[in-house]
Amino acid sequence: LSAVIALGLLSGCAERLGVDIATGYTAKQVCSGVFVAGLPED
């Protein structure tokens, strides 16, 4: 994700794909970080 959203926020379908990836990454990382690793959410 070093540039994973940059192009996706420009237009149409690419925008949807970029946002989906951003929310998917966030949900997965926070879930595993909190419930598996036991780390603070922040």
Full PDB file with SEQRES, HELIX, SHEET, SSBOND, CRYST1, ORIGX, SCALE, CONECT and MASTER records, all heavy atoms in Angstrom:
SEQRES   1 A   42  LEU SER ALA VAL ILE ALA LEU GLY LEU LEU SER GLY CYS          
SEQRES   2 A   42  ALA GLU ARG LEU GLY VAL ASP ILE ALA THR GLY TYR THR          
SEQRES   3 A   42  ALA LYS GLN VAL CYS SER GLY VAL PHE VAL ALA GLY LEU          
SEQRES   4 A   42  PRO GLU ASP                                                  
HELIX    1 AA1 GLY A   12  CYS A   31  1                                  20    
HELIX    2 AA2 SER A   32  VAL A   36  3                                   5    
CRYST1    1.000    1.000    1.000  90.00  90.00  90.00 P 1           1          
ORIGX1      1.000000  0.000000  0.000000        0.00000                         
ORIGX2      0.000000  1.000000  0.000000        0.00000                         
ORIGX3      0.000000  0.000000  1.000000        0.00000                         
SCALE1      1.000000  0.000000  0.000000        0.00000                         
SCALE2      0.000000  1.000000  0.000000        0.00000                         
SCALE3      0.000000  0.000000  1.000000        0.00000                         
ATOM      1  N   LEU A   1       0.790  -1.214   0.000  1.00  0.00           N  
ATOM      2  CA  LEU A   1       0.000   0.000   0.000  1.00  0.00           C  
ATOM      3  C   LEU A   1       0.831   1.277   0.000  1.00  0.00           C  
ATOM      4  O   LEU A   1       0.360   2.308   0.453  1.00  0.00           O  
ATOM      5  CB  LEU A   1      -0.950   0.013   1.208  1.00  0.00           C  
ATOM      6  CG  LEU A   1      -1.985  -1.110   1.208  1.00  0.00           C  
ATOM      7  CD1 LEU A   1      -2.740  -1.114   2.522  1.00  0.00           C  
ATOM      8  CD2 LEU A   1      -2.966  -0.969   0.080  1.00  0.00           C  
ATOM      9  N   SER A   2       2.061   1.222  -0.495  1.00  0.00           N  
ATOM     10  CA  SER A   2       2.851   2.442  -0.550  1.00  0.00           C  
ATOM     11  C   SER A   2       2.202   3.464  -1.485  1.00  0.00           C  
ATOM     12  O   SER A   2       2.341   4.658  -1.310  1.00  0.00           O  
ATOM     13  CB  SER A   2       4.272   2.121  -1.017  1.00  0.00           C  
ATOM     14  OG  SER A   2       4.234   1.528  -2.291  1.00  0.00           O  
ATOM     15  N   ALA A   3       1.486   2.946  -2.491  1.00  0.00           N  
ATOM     16  CA  ALA A   3       0.735   3.845  -3.369  1.00  0.00           C  
ATOM     17  C   ALA A   3      -0.641   3.278  -3.648  1.00  0.00           C  
ATOM     18  O   ALA A   3      -1.260   3.605  -4.648  1.00  0.00           O  
ATOM     19  CB  ALA A   3       1.496   4.045  -4.673  1.00  0.00           C  
ATOM     20  N   VAL A   4      -1.136   2.443  -2.726  1.00  0.00           N  
ATOM     21  CA  VAL A   4      -2.288   1.628  -3.058  1.00  0.00           C  
ATOM     22  C   VAL A   4      -3.573   2.414  -3.260  1.00  0.00           C  
ATOM     23  O   VAL A   4      -4.456   2.003  -3.974  1.00  0.00           O  
ATOM     24  CB  VAL A   4      -2.499   0.541  -1.991  1.00  0.00           C  
ATOM     25  CG1 VAL A   4      -3.131   1.095  -0.755  1.00  0.00           C  
ATOM     26  CG2 VAL A   4      -3.299  -0.612  -2.536  1.00  0.00           C  
ATOM     27  N   ILE A   5      -3.685   3.583  -2.634  1.00  0.00           N  
ATOM     28  CA  ILE A   5      -4.919   4.333  -2.744  1.00  0.00           C  
ATOM     29  C   ILE A   5      -4.809   5.478  -3.751  1.00  0.00           C  
ATOM     30  O   ILE A   5      -5.792   5.911  -4.314  1.00  0.00           O  
ATOM     31  CB  ILE A   5      -5.303   4.917  -1.364  1.00  0.00           C  
ATOM     32  CG1 ILE A   5      -5.340   3.815  -0.323  1.00  0.00           C  
ATOM     33  CG2 ILE A   5      -6.666   5.585  -1.413  1.00  0.00           C  
ATOM     34  CD1 ILE A   5      -6.302   2.702  -0.650  1.00  0.00           C  
ATOM     35  N   ALA A   6      -3.596   5.954  -3.999  1.00  0.00           N  
ATOM     36  CA  ALA A   6      -3.417   7.198  -4.738  1.00  0.00           C  
ATOM     37  C   ALA A   6      -4.180   7.224  -6.056  1.00  0.00           C  
ATOM     38  O   ALA A   6      -4.916   8.166  -6.335  1.00  0.00           O  
ATOM     39  CB  ALA A   6      -1.934   7.441  -4.992  1.00  0.00           C  
ATOM     40  N   LEU A   7      -4.010   6.193  -6.866  1.00  0.00           N  
ATOM     41  CA  LEU A   7      -4.717   6.171  -8.146  1.00  0.00           C  
ATOM     42  C   LEU A   7      -6.181   5.828  -7.974  1.00  0.00           C  
ATOM     43  O   LEU A   7      -7.039   6.270  -8.738  1.00  0.00           O  
ATOM     44  CB  LEU A   7      -4.048   5.168  -9.089  1.00  0.00           C  
ATOM     45  CG  LEU A   7      -2.604   5.478  -9.461  1.00  0.00           C  
ATOM     46  CD1 LEU A   7      -2.083   4.424 -10.423  1.00  0.00           C  
ATOM     47  CD2 LEU A   7      -2.511   6.857 -10.085  1.00  0.00           C  
ATOM     48  N   GLY A   8      -6.486   5.045  -6.973  1.00  0.00           N  
ATOM     49  CA  GLY A   8      -7.856   4.580  -6.783  1.00  0.00           C  
ATOM     50  C   GLY A   8      -8.831   5.661  -6.417  1.00  0.00           C  
ATOM     51  O   GLY A   8     -10.041   5.481  -6.570  1.00  0.00           O  
ATOM     52  N   LEU A   9      -8.356   6.777  -5.919  1.00  0.00           N  
ATOM     53  CA  LEU A   9      -9.258   7.844  -5.515  1.00  0.00           C  
ATOM     54  C   LEU A   9      -9.520   8.844  -6.644  1.00  0.00           C  
ATOM     55  O   LEU A   9     -10.167   9.859  -6.436  1.00  0.00           O  
ATOM     56  CB  LEU A   9      -8.681   8.574  -4.302  1.00  0.00           C  
ATOM     57  CG  LEU A   9      -8.619   7.722  -3.026  1.00  0.00           C  
ATOM     58  CD1 LEU A   9      -7.936   8.507  -1.926  1.00  0.00           C  
ATOM     59  CD2 LEU A   9      -9.991   7.274  -2.593  1.00  0.00           C  
ATOM     60  N   LEU A  10      -9.027   8.539  -7.826  1.00  0.00           N  
ATOM     61  CA  LEU A  10      -9.153   9.504  -8.904  1.00  0.00           C  
ATOM     62  C   LEU A  10     -10.491   9.453  -9.614  1.00  0.00           C  
ATOM     63  O   LEU A  10     -11.046  10.475  -9.966  1.00  0.00           O  
ATOM     64  CB  LEU A  10      -8.014   9.296  -9.915  1.00  0.00           C  
ATOM     65  CG  LEU A  10      -6.613   9.589  -9.367  1.00  0.00           C  
ATOM     66  CD1 LEU A  10      -5.582   9.345 -10.451  1.00  0.00           C  
ATOM     67  CD2 LEU A  10      -6.521  11.020  -8.853  1.00  0.00           C  
ATOM     68  N   SER A  11     -11.016   8.239  -9.856  1.00  0.00           N  
ATOM     69  CA  SER A  11     -12.254   8.191 -10.623  1.00  0.00           C  
ATOM     70  C   SER A  11     -12.929   6.849 -10.520  1.00  0.00           C  
ATOM     71  O   SER A  11     -12.299   5.836 -10.271  1.00  0.00           O  
ATOM     72  CB  SER A  11     -11.966   8.475 -12.107  1.00  0.00           C  
ATOM     73  OG  SER A  11     -11.136   7.471 -12.639  1.00  0.00           O  
ATOM     74  N   GLY A  12     -14.268   6.868 -10.694  1.00  0.00           N  
ATOM     75  CA  GLY A  12     -15.112   5.716 -10.940  1.00  0.00           C  
ATOM     76  C   GLY A  12     -14.787   4.460 -10.183  1.00  0.00           C  
ATOM     77  O   GLY A  12     -14.685   4.448  -8.969  1.00  0.00           O  
ATOM     78  N   CYS A  13     -14.634   3.372 -10.971  1.00  0.00           N  
ATOM     79  CA  CYS A  13     -14.407   2.042 -10.408  1.00  0.00           C  
ATOM     80  C   CYS A  13     -13.128   2.006  -9.592  1.00  0.00           C  
ATOM     81  O   CYS A  13     -13.066   1.369  -8.548  1.00  0.00           O  
ATOM     82  CB  CYS A  13     -14.349   1.007 -11.520  1.00  0.00           C  
ATOM     83  SG  CYS A  13     -14.057  -0.673 -10.953  1.00  0.00           S  
ATOM     84  N   ALA A  14     -12.086   2.682 -10.077  1.00  0.00           N  
ATOM     85  CA  ALA A  14     -10.815   2.683  -9.353  1.00  0.00           C  
ATOM     86  C   ALA A  14     -10.990   3.278  -7.972  1.00  0.00           C  
ATOM     87  O   ALA A  14     -10.385   2.833  -7.004  1.00  0.00           O  
ATOM     88  CB  ALA A  14      -9.762   3.458 -10.141  1.00  0.00           C  
ATOM     89  N   GLU A  15     -11.834   4.298  -7.848  1.00  0.00           N  
ATOM     90  CA  GLU A  15     -12.089   4.879  -6.541  1.00  0.00           C  
ATOM     91  C   GLU A  15     -12.693   3.845  -5.609  1.00  0.00           C  
ATOM     92  O   GLU A  15     -12.282   3.695  -4.464  1.00  0.00           O  
ATOM     93  CB  GLU A  15     -13.007   6.089  -6.656  1.00  0.00           C  
ATOM     94  CG  GLU A  15     -13.386   6.676  -5.291  1.00  0.00           C  
ATOM     95  CD  GLU A  15     -14.231   7.940  -5.420  1.00  0.00           C  
ATOM     96  OE1 GLU A  15     -14.282   8.484  -6.521  1.00  0.00           O  
ATOM     97  OE2 GLU A  15     -14.810   8.357  -4.426  1.00  0.00           O  
ATOM     98  N   ARG A  16     -13.687   3.107  -6.104  1.00  0.00           N  
ATOM     99  CA  ARG A  16     -14.332   2.102  -5.275  1.00  0.00           C  
ATOM    100  C   ARG A  16     -13.342   1.035  -4.831  1.00  0.00           C  
ATOM    101  O   ARG A  16     -13.310   0.611  -3.695  1.00  0.00           O  
ATOM    102  CB  ARG A  16     -15.485   1.471  -6.066  1.00  0.00           C  
ATOM    103  CG  ARG A  16     -16.171   0.320  -5.360  1.00  0.00           C  
ATOM    104  CD  ARG A  16     -16.803   0.743  -4.047  1.00  0.00           C  
ATOM    105  NE  ARG A  16     -17.762   1.812  -4.228  1.00  0.00           N  
ATOM    106  CZ  ARG A  16     -18.385   2.428  -3.232  1.00  0.00           C  
ATOM    107  NH1 ARG A  16     -18.136   2.090  -1.978  1.00  0.00           N  
ATOM    108  NH2 ARG A  16     -19.252   3.395  -3.461  1.00  0.00           N  
ATOM    109  N   LEU A  17     -12.480   0.592  -5.769  1.00  0.00           N  
ATOM    110  CA  LEU A  17     -11.494  -0.419  -5.430  1.00  0.00           C  
ATOM    111  C   LEU A  17     -10.534   0.091  -4.374  1.00  0.00           C  
ATOM    112  O   LEU A  17     -10.214  -0.601  -3.421  1.00  0.00           O  
ATOM    113  CB  LEU A  17     -10.722  -0.833  -6.684  1.00  0.00           C  
ATOM    114  CG  LEU A  17     -11.474  -1.697  -7.692  1.00  0.00           C  
ATOM    115  CD1 LEU A  17     -10.682  -1.787  -8.985  1.00  0.00           C  
ATOM    116  CD2 LEU A  17     -11.728  -3.078  -7.134  1.00  0.00           C  
ATOM    117  N   GLY A  18     -10.075   1.325  -4.522  1.00  0.00           N  
ATOM    118  CA  GLY A  18      -9.134   1.862  -3.561  1.00  0.00           C  
ATOM    119  C   GLY A  18      -9.729   1.982  -2.178  1.00  0.00           C  
ATOM    120  O   GLY A  18      -9.079   1.654  -1.183  1.00  0.00           O  
ATOM    121  N   VAL A  19     -10.963   2.423  -2.076  1.00  0.00           N  
ATOM    122  CA  VAL A  19     -11.612   2.566  -0.776  1.00  0.00           C  
ATOM    123  C   VAL A  19     -11.858   1.197  -0.152  1.00  0.00           C  
ATOM    124  O   VAL A  19     -11.659   1.003   1.045  1.00  0.00           O  
ATOM    125  CB  VAL A  19     -12.920   3.372  -0.910  1.00  0.00           C  
ATOM    126  CG1 VAL A  19     -13.700   3.339   0.385  1.00  0.00           C  
ATOM    127  CG2 VAL A  19     -12.607   4.808  -1.312  1.00  0.00           C  
ATOM    128  N   ASP A  20     -12.277   0.238  -0.941  1.00  0.00           N  
ATOM    129  CA  ASP A  20     -12.491  -1.106  -0.426  1.00  0.00           C  
ATOM    130  C   ASP A  20     -11.216  -1.687   0.160  1.00  0.00           C  
ATOM    131  O   ASP A  20     -11.237  -2.354   1.202  1.00  0.00           O  
ATOM    132  CB  ASP A  20     -13.003  -2.027  -1.536  1.00  0.00           C  
ATOM    133  CG  ASP A  20     -14.485  -1.834  -1.819  1.00  0.00           C  
ATOM    134  OD1 ASP A  20     -15.110  -1.018  -1.122  1.00  0.00           O  
ATOM    135  OD2 ASP A  20     -15.008  -2.487  -2.738  1.00  0.00           O  
ATOM    136  N   ILE A  21     -10.109  -1.442  -0.513  1.00  0.00           N  
ATOM    137  CA  ILE A  21      -8.832  -1.958  -0.022  1.00  0.00           C  
ATOM    138  C   ILE A  21      -8.437  -1.257   1.268  1.00  0.00           C  
ATOM    139  O   ILE A  21      -7.956  -1.875   2.221  1.00  0.00           O  
ATOM    140  CB  ILE A  21      -7.755  -1.813  -1.102  1.00  0.00           C  
ATOM    141  CG1 ILE A  21      -8.052  -2.783  -2.255  1.00  0.00           C  
ATOM    142  CG2 ILE A  21      -6.368  -2.092  -0.538  1.00  0.00           C  
ATOM    143  CD1 ILE A  21      -7.274  -2.500  -3.505  1.00  0.00           C  
ATOM    144  N   ALA A  22      -8.648   0.052   1.336  1.00  0.00           N  
ATOM    145  CA  ALA A  22      -8.318   0.800   2.550  1.00  0.00           C  
ATOM    146  C   ALA A  22      -9.126   0.311   3.746  1.00  0.00           C  
ATOM    147  O   ALA A  22      -8.578   0.102   4.839  1.00  0.00           O  
ATOM    148  CB  ALA A  22      -8.566   2.289   2.319  1.00  0.00           C  
ATOM    149  N   THR A  23     -10.429   0.115   3.547  1.00  0.00           N  
ATOM    150  CA  THR A  23     -11.253  -0.335   4.675  1.00  0.00           C  
ATOM    151  C   THR A  23     -10.970  -1.795   5.007  1.00  0.00           C  
ATOM    152  O   THR A  23     -10.971  -2.185   6.175  1.00  0.00           O  
ATOM    153  CB  THR A  23     -12.749  -0.142   4.363  1.00  0.00           C  
ATOM    154  OG1 THR A  23     -13.094  -0.837   3.159  1.00  0.00           O  
ATOM    155  CG2 THR A  23     -13.078   1.341   4.234  1.00  0.00           C  
ATOM    156  N   GLY A  24     -10.700  -2.622   3.986  1.00  0.00           N  
ATOM    157  CA  GLY A  24     -10.372  -4.021   4.245  1.00  0.00           C  
ATOM    158  C   GLY A  24      -9.081  -4.161   5.017  1.00  0.00           C  
ATOM    159  O   GLY A  24      -8.986  -4.940   5.972  1.00  0.00           O  
ATOM    160  N   TYR A  25      -8.059  -3.412   4.594  1.00  0.00           N  
ATOM    161  CA  TYR A  25      -6.776  -3.442   5.297  1.00  0.00           C  
ATOM    162  C   TYR A  25      -6.951  -3.006   6.746  1.00  0.00           C  
ATOM    163  O   TYR A  25      -6.435  -3.644   7.676  1.00  0.00           O  
ATOM    164  CB  TYR A  25      -5.778  -2.521   4.593  1.00  0.00           C  
ATOM    165  CG  TYR A  25      -4.414  -2.491   5.234  1.00  0.00           C  
ATOM    166  CD1 TYR A  25      -3.444  -3.409   4.865  1.00  0.00           C  
ATOM    167  CD2 TYR A  25      -4.101  -1.538   6.206  1.00  0.00           C  
ATOM    168  CE1 TYR A  25      -2.186  -3.385   5.462  1.00  0.00           C  
ATOM    169  CE2 TYR A  25      -2.853  -1.509   6.797  1.00  0.00           C  
ATOM    170  CZ  TYR A  25      -1.892  -2.437   6.418  1.00  0.00           C  
ATOM    171  OH  TYR A  25      -0.651  -2.410   7.015  1.00  0.00           O  
ATOM    172  N   THR A  26      -7.671  -1.929   6.946  1.00  0.00           N  
ATOM    173  CA  THR A  26      -7.853  -1.394   8.295  1.00  0.00           C  
ATOM    174  C   THR A  26      -8.575  -2.385   9.197  1.00  0.00           C  
ATOM    175  O   THR A  26      -8.140  -2.652  10.328  1.00  0.00           O  
ATOM    176  CB  THR A  26      -8.629  -0.073   8.239  1.00  0.00           C  
ATOM    177  OG1 THR A  26      -7.919   0.860   7.411  1.00  0.00           O  
ATOM    178  CG2 THR A  26      -8.817   0.517   9.629  1.00  0.00           C  
ATOM    179  N   ALA A  27      -9.678  -2.933   8.715  1.00  0.00           N  
ATOM    180  CA  ALA A  27     -10.450  -3.872   9.532  1.00  0.00           C  
ATOM    181  C   ALA A  27      -9.622  -5.094   9.900  1.00  0.00           C  
ATOM    182  O   ALA A  27      -9.612  -5.539  11.058  1.00  0.00           O  
ATOM    183  CB  ALA A  27     -11.718  -4.292   8.790  1.00  0.00           C  
ATOM    184  N   LYS A  28      -8.913  -5.633   8.936  1.00  0.00           N  
ATOM    185  CA  LYS A  28      -8.120  -6.841   9.192  1.00  0.00           C  
ATOM    186  C   LYS A  28      -6.978  -6.556  10.158  1.00  0.00           C  
ATOM    187  O   LYS A  28      -6.735  -7.319  11.114  1.00  0.00           O  
ATOM    188  CB  LYS A  28      -7.568  -7.380   7.873  1.00  0.00           C  
ATOM    189  CG  LYS A  28      -6.550  -8.519   8.012  1.00  0.00           C  
ATOM    190  CD  LYS A  28      -7.142  -9.758   8.661  1.00  0.00           C  
ATOM    191  CE  LYS A  28      -6.111 -10.857   8.787  1.00  0.00           C  
ATOM    192  NZ  LYS A  28      -4.983 -10.500   9.678  1.00  0.00           N  
ATOM    193  N   GLN A  29      -6.228  -5.488   9.939  1.00  0.00           N  
ATOM    194  CA  GLN A  29      -5.076  -5.196  10.790  1.00  0.00           C  
ATOM    195  C   GLN A  29      -5.478  -4.855  12.215  1.00  0.00           C  
ATOM    196  O   GLN A  29      -4.824  -5.269  13.172  1.00  0.00           O  
ATOM    197  CB  GLN A  29      -4.244  -4.068  10.179  1.00  0.00           C  
ATOM    198  CG  GLN A  29      -3.455  -4.481   8.953  1.00  0.00           C  
ATOM    199  CD  GLN A  29      -2.530  -5.640   9.227  1.00  0.00           C  
ATOM    200  OE1 GLN A  29      -2.844  -6.785   8.906  1.00  0.00           O  
ATOM    201  NE2 GLN A  29      -1.391  -5.361   9.832  1.00  0.00           N  
ATOM    202  N   VAL A  30      -6.539  -4.086  12.366  1.00  0.00           N  
ATOM    203  CA  VAL A  30      -6.969  -3.732  13.722  1.00  0.00           C  
ATOM    204  C   VAL A  30      -7.529  -4.956  14.433  1.00  0.00           C  
ATOM    205  O   VAL A  30      -7.253  -5.182  15.614  1.00  0.00           O  
ATOM    206  CB  VAL A  30      -7.998  -2.586  13.687  1.00  0.00           C  
ATOM    207  CG1 VAL A  30      -8.550  -2.320  15.084  1.00  0.00           C  
ATOM    208  CG2 VAL A  30      -7.350  -1.310  13.134  1.00  0.00           C  
ATOM    209  N   CYS A  31      -8.301  -5.779  13.735  1.00  0.00           N  
ATOM    210  CA  CYS A  31      -8.852  -6.983  14.356  1.00  0.00           C  
ATOM    211  C   CYS A  31      -7.735  -7.893  14.866  1.00  0.00           C  
ATOM    212  O   CYS A  31      -7.727  -8.297  16.032  1.00  0.00           O  
ATOM    213  CB  CYS A  31      -9.732  -7.737  13.353  1.00  0.00           C  
ATOM    214  SG  CYS A  31     -10.535  -9.213  14.031  1.00  0.00           S  
ATOM    215  N   SER A  32      -6.777  -8.207  14.006  1.00  0.00           N  
ATOM    216  CA  SER A  32      -5.688  -9.090  14.430  1.00  0.00           C  
ATOM    217  C   SER A  32      -4.798  -8.415  15.468  1.00  0.00           C  
ATOM    218  O   SER A  32      -4.321  -9.059  16.403  1.00  0.00           O  
ATOM    219  CB  SER A  32      -4.848  -9.505  13.219  1.00  0.00           C  
ATOM    220  OG  SER A  32      -5.600 -10.301  12.328  1.00  0.00           O  
ATOM    221  N   GLY A  33      -4.578  -7.121  15.319  1.00  0.00           N  
ATOM    222  CA  GLY A  33      -3.743  -6.422  16.278  1.00  0.00           C  
ATOM    223  C   GLY A  33      -4.337  -6.390  17.670  1.00  0.00           C  
ATOM    224  O   GLY A  33      -3.635  -6.557  18.665  1.00  0.00           O  
ATOM    225  N   VAL A  34      -5.651  -6.203  17.741  1.00  0.00           N  
ATOM    226  CA  VAL A  34      -6.321  -6.107  19.045  1.00  0.00           C  
ATOM    227  C   VAL A  34      -6.607  -7.488  19.631  1.00  0.00           C  
ATOM    228  O   VAL A  34      -6.262  -7.771  20.787  1.00  0.00           O  
ATOM    229  CB  VAL A  34      -7.627  -5.295  18.907  1.00  0.00           C  
ATOM    230  CG1 VAL A  34      -8.471  -5.403  20.184  1.00  0.00           C  
ATOM    231  CG2 VAL A  34      -7.309  -3.838  18.611  1.00  0.00           C  
ATOM    232  N   PHE A  35      -7.232  -8.369  18.840  1.00  0.00           N  
ATOM    233  CA  PHE A  35      -7.725  -9.625  19.391  1.00  0.00           C  
ATOM    234  C   PHE A  35      -6.696 -10.755  19.365  1.00  0.00           C  
ATOM    235  O   PHE A  35      -6.777 -11.676  20.181  1.00  0.00           O  
ATOM    236  CB  PHE A  35      -8.985 -10.064  18.646  1.00  0.00           C  
ATOM    237  CG  PHE A  35     -10.164  -9.179  18.891  1.00  0.00           C  
ATOM    238  CD1 PHE A  35     -10.670  -8.378  17.877  1.00  0.00           C  
ATOM    239  CD2 PHE A  35     -10.760  -9.117  20.142  1.00  0.00           C  
ATOM    240  CE1 PHE A  35     -11.760  -7.547  18.098  1.00  0.00           C  
ATOM    241  CE2 PHE A  35     -11.847  -8.281  20.379  1.00  0.00           C  
ATOM    242  CZ  PHE A  35     -12.351  -7.497  19.360  1.00  0.00           C  
ATOM    243  N   VAL A  36      -5.745 -10.702  18.454  1.00  0.00           N  
ATOM    244  CA  VAL A  36      -4.704 -11.733  18.409  1.00  0.00           C  
ATOM    245  C   VAL A  36      -3.463 -11.275  19.158  1.00  0.00           C  
ATOM    246  O   VAL A  36      -2.975 -11.959  20.059  1.00  0.00           O  
ATOM    247  CB  VAL A  36      -4.347 -12.101  16.949  1.00  0.00           C  
ATOM    248  CG1 VAL A  36      -3.207 -13.126  16.928  1.00  0.00           C  
ATOM    249  CG2 VAL A  36      -5.565 -12.662  16.229  1.00  0.00           C  
ATOM    250  N   ALA A  37      -2.932 -10.109  18.774  1.00  0.00           N  
ATOM    251  CA  ALA A  37      -1.699  -9.628  19.389  1.00  0.00           C  
ATOM    252  C   ALA A  37      -1.920  -8.982  20.747  1.00  0.00           C  
ATOM    253  O   ALA A  37      -0.984  -8.861  21.538  1.00  0.00           O  
ATOM    254  CB  ALA A  37      -1.002  -8.638  18.461  1.00  0.00           C  
ATOM    255  N   GLY A  38      -3.151  -8.548  21.021  1.00  0.00           N  
ATOM    256  CA  GLY A  38      -3.431  -7.896  22.296  1.00  0.00           C  
ATOM    257  C   GLY A  38      -2.831  -6.516  22.416  1.00  0.00           C  
ATOM    258  O   GLY A  38      -2.565  -6.039  23.518  1.00  0.00           O  
ATOM    259  N   LEU A  39      -2.623  -5.849  21.283  1.00  0.00           N  
ATOM    260  CA  LEU A  39      -2.045  -4.509  21.288  1.00  0.00           C  
ATOM    261  C   LEU A  39      -3.136  -3.453  21.390  1.00  0.00           C  
ATOM    262  O   LEU A  39      -4.282  -3.691  20.995  1.00  0.00           O  
ATOM    263  CB  LEU A  39      -1.238  -4.286  20.013  1.00  0.00           C  
ATOM    264  CG  LEU A  39       0.010  -5.161  19.855  1.00  0.00           C  
ATOM    265  CD1 LEU A  39       0.602  -4.997  18.464  1.00  0.00           C  
ATOM    266  CD2 LEU A  39       1.049  -4.817  20.918  1.00  0.00           C  
ATOM    267  N   PRO A  40      -2.811  -2.271  21.906  1.00  0.00           N  
ATOM    268  CA  PRO A  40      -3.805  -1.196  21.955  1.00  0.00           C  
ATOM    269  C   PRO A  40      -4.257  -0.801  20.556  1.00  0.00           C  
ATOM    270  O   PRO A  40      -3.446  -0.723  19.627  1.00  0.00           O  
ATOM    271  CB  PRO A  40      -3.045  -0.051  22.641  1.00  0.00           C  
ATOM    272  CG  PRO A  40      -1.900  -0.693  23.346  1.00  0.00           C  
ATOM    273  CD  PRO A  40      -1.523  -1.869  22.513  1.00  0.00           C  
ATOM    274  N   GLU A  41      -5.540  -0.534  20.405  1.00  0.00           N  
ATOM    275  CA  GLU A  41      -6.066  -0.164  19.095  1.00  0.00           C  
ATOM    276  C   GLU A  41      -5.379   1.067  18.543  1.00  0.00           C  
ATOM    277  O   GLU A  41      -5.071   1.131  17.343  1.00  0.00           O  
ATOM    278  CB  GLU A  41      -7.569   0.072  19.191  1.00  0.00           C  
ATOM    279  CG  GLU A  41      -8.205   0.480  17.877  1.00  0.00           C  
ATOM    280  CD  GLU A  41      -9.700   0.697  17.996  1.00  0.00           C  
ATOM    281  OE1 GLU A  41     -10.371  -0.092  18.691  1.00  0.00           O  
ATOM    282  OE2 GLU A  41     -10.202   1.661  17.386  1.00  0.00           O  
ATOM    283  N   ASP A  42      -5.119   2.061  19.390  1.00  0.00           N  
ATOM    284  CA  ASP A  42      -4.522   3.292  18.875  1.00  0.00           C  
ATOM    285  C   ASP A  42      -3.105   3.062  18.358  1.00  0.00           C  
ATOM    286  O   ASP A  42      -2.643   3.741  17.437  1.00  0.00           O  
ATOM    287  CB  ASP A  42      -4.552   4.406  19.915  1.00  0.00           C  
ATOM    288  CG  ASP A  42      -3.784   4.079  21.186  1.00  0.00           C  
ATOM    289  OD1 ASP A  42      -3.332   2.922  21.337  1.00  0.00           O  
ATOM    290  OD2 ASP A  42      -3.643   4.967  22.041  1.00  0.00           O  
TER     291      ASP A  42                                                      
MASTER        0    0    0    2    0    0    0    6  290    1    0    4          
END                                                                             
